[in-house]
């Protein structure tokens, strides 16, 4: 996710505990969704998890953009 911002992500994970938690939660949900799809889980539950993951991705992106803005 956001490979072009790898350096910023690494920095933010080290200095911003909230960012680190949001980023980790996104990755955990990704793995959970993969497992649910492998096990043919209820599609409503899977879609709900995907929406939650997308919201976290938006949050991560916004935090990255704010960090870039603050750094300039």
C-alpha atoms as a PDB file:
ATOM      1  CA  UNK A   1       0.000   0.000   0.000  1.00  0.00           C
ATOM      2  CA  UNK A   2       1.324   3.402  -1.004  1.00  0.00           C
ATOM      3  CA  UNK A   3       4.730   2.110  -2.067  1.00  0.00           C
ATOM      4  CA  UNK A   4       5.623   5.534  -3.399  1.00  0.00           C
ATOM      5  CA  UNK A   5       5.426   6.849   0.183  1.00  0.00           C
ATOM      6  CA  UNK A   6       7.464   4.063   1.773  1.00  0.00           C
ATOM      7  CA  UNK A   7       9.962   6.445   3.392  1.00  0.00           C
ATOM      8  CA  UNK A   8       7.254   8.650   4.873  1.00  0.00           C
ATOM      9  CA  UNK A   9       5.352   5.609   6.141  1.00  0.00           C
ATOM     10  CA  UNK A  10       8.477   4.269   7.834  1.00  0.00           C
ATOM     11  CA  UNK A  11       9.082   7.623   9.471  1.00  0.00           C
ATOM     12  CA  UNK A  12       5.484   8.055  10.584  1.00  0.00           C
ATOM     13  CA  UNK A  13       5.333   4.543  12.050  1.00  0.00           C
ATOM     14  CA  UNK A  14       8.342   5.439  14.203  1.00  0.00           C
ATOM     15  CA  UNK A  15       7.205   8.860  15.417  1.00  0.00           C
ATOM     16  CA  UNK A  16       3.388   8.682  15.410  1.00  0.00           C
ATOM     17  CA  UNK A  17       1.790   5.953  17.499  1.00  0.00           C
ATOM     18  CA  UNK A  18      -1.680   6.651  16.115  1.00  0.00           C
ATOM     19  CA  UNK A  19      -0.438   6.315  12.537  1.00  0.00           C
ATOM     20  CA  UNK A  20       1.299   3.039  13.421  1.00  0.00           C
ATOM     21  CA  UNK A  21      -1.923   1.637  14.924  1.00  0.00           C
ATOM     22  CA  UNK A  22      -4.063   2.668  11.959  1.00  0.00           C
ATOM     23  CA  UNK A  23      -1.526   1.258   9.499  1.00  0.00           C
ATOM     24  CA  UNK A  24      -1.283  -2.021  11.433  1.00  0.00           C
ATOM     25  CA  UNK A  25      -5.075  -2.319  11.693  1.00  0.00           C
ATOM     26  CA  UNK A  26      -5.327  -1.871   7.903  1.00  0.00           C
ATOM     27  CA  UNK A  27      -2.783  -4.636   7.318  1.00  0.00           C
ATOM     28  CA  UNK A  28      -4.484  -6.922   9.851  1.00  0.00           C
ATOM     29  CA  UNK A  29      -7.830  -6.418   8.128  1.00  0.00           C
ATOM     30  CA  UNK A  30      -6.237  -7.217   4.771  1.00  0.00           C
ATOM     31  CA  UNK A  31      -5.032 -10.568   6.092  1.00  0.00           C
ATOM     32  CA  UNK A  32      -8.370 -11.239   7.775  1.00  0.00           C
ATOM     33  CA  UNK A  33     -10.260 -10.548   4.542  1.00  0.00           C
ATOM     34  CA  UNK A  34      -7.968 -12.864   2.573  1.00  0.00           C
ATOM     35  CA  UNK A  35      -8.614 -15.666   5.068  1.00  0.00           C
ATOM     36  CA  UNK A  36     -12.355 -15.014   5.068  1.00  0.00           C
ATOM     37  CA  UNK A  37     -12.468 -15.190   1.272  1.00  0.00           C
ATOM     38  CA  UNK A  38     -10.477 -18.430   1.261  1.00  0.00           C
ATOM     39  CA  UNK A  39     -12.966 -19.919   3.699  1.00  0.00           C
ATOM     40  CA  UNK A  40     -16.002 -18.643   1.773  1.00  0.00           C
ATOM     41  CA  UNK A  41     -17.218 -16.478   4.635  1.00  0.00           C
ATOM     42  CA  UNK A  42     -20.490 -14.585   4.514  1.00  0.00           C
ATOM     43  CA  UNK A  43     -20.121 -11.972   1.760  1.00  0.00           C
ATOM     44  CA  UNK A  44     -21.941  -9.333   3.802  1.00  0.00           C
ATOM     45  CA  UNK A  45     -19.329  -9.662   6.549  1.00  0.00           C
ATOM     46  CA  UNK A  46     -16.491  -9.607   3.998  1.00  0.00           C
ATOM     47  CA  UNK A  47     -17.877  -6.467   2.347  1.00  0.00           C
ATOM     48  CA  UNK A  48     -18.230  -4.781   5.735  1.00  0.00           C
ATOM     49  CA  UNK A  49     -14.584  -5.564   6.506  1.00  0.00           C
ATOM     50  CA  UNK A  50     -13.544  -4.245   3.089  1.00  0.00           C
ATOM     51  CA  UNK A  51     -15.355  -0.964   3.734  1.00  0.00           C
ATOM     52  CA  UNK A  52     -13.629  -0.648   7.105  1.00  0.00           C
ATOM     53  CA  UNK A  53     -10.273  -1.350   5.451  1.00  0.00           C
ATOM     54  CA  UNK A  54     -10.944   1.303   2.789  1.00  0.00           C
ATOM     55  CA  UNK A  55     -11.728   3.890   5.472  1.00  0.00           C
ATOM     56  CA  UNK A  56      -8.442   3.061   7.184  1.00  0.00           C
ATOM     57  CA  UNK A  57      -6.621   3.385   3.867  1.00  0.00           C
ATOM     58  CA  UNK A  58      -8.148   6.835   3.398  1.00  0.00           C
ATOM     59  CA  UNK A  59      -7.044   7.777   6.908  1.00  0.00           C
ATOM     60  CA  UNK A  60      -3.502   6.570   6.239  1.00  0.00           C
ATOM     61  CA  UNK A  61      -3.366   8.511   2.986  1.00  0.00           C
ATOM     62  CA  UNK A  62      -4.654  11.690   4.619  1.00  0.00           C
ATOM     63  CA  UNK A  63      -2.084  11.368   7.402  1.00  0.00           C
ATOM     64  CA  UNK A  64       0.696  10.922   4.826  1.00  0.00           C
ATOM     65  CA  UNK A  65      -0.462  13.979   2.876  1.00  0.00           C
ATOM     66  CA  UNK A  66      -0.673  16.057   6.066  1.00  0.00           C
ATOM     67  CA  UNK A  67       2.846  14.976   7.019  1.00  0.00           C
ATOM     68  CA  UNK A  68       4.132  15.964   3.550  1.00  0.00           C
ATOM     69  CA  UNK A  69       2.404  19.340   3.846  1.00  0.00           C
ATOM     70  CA  UNK A  70       3.802  19.938   7.353  1.00  0.00           C
ATOM     71  CA  UNK A  71       7.312  18.945   6.254  1.00  0.00           C
ATOM     72  CA  UNK A  72       7.457  21.530   3.472  1.00  0.00           C
END
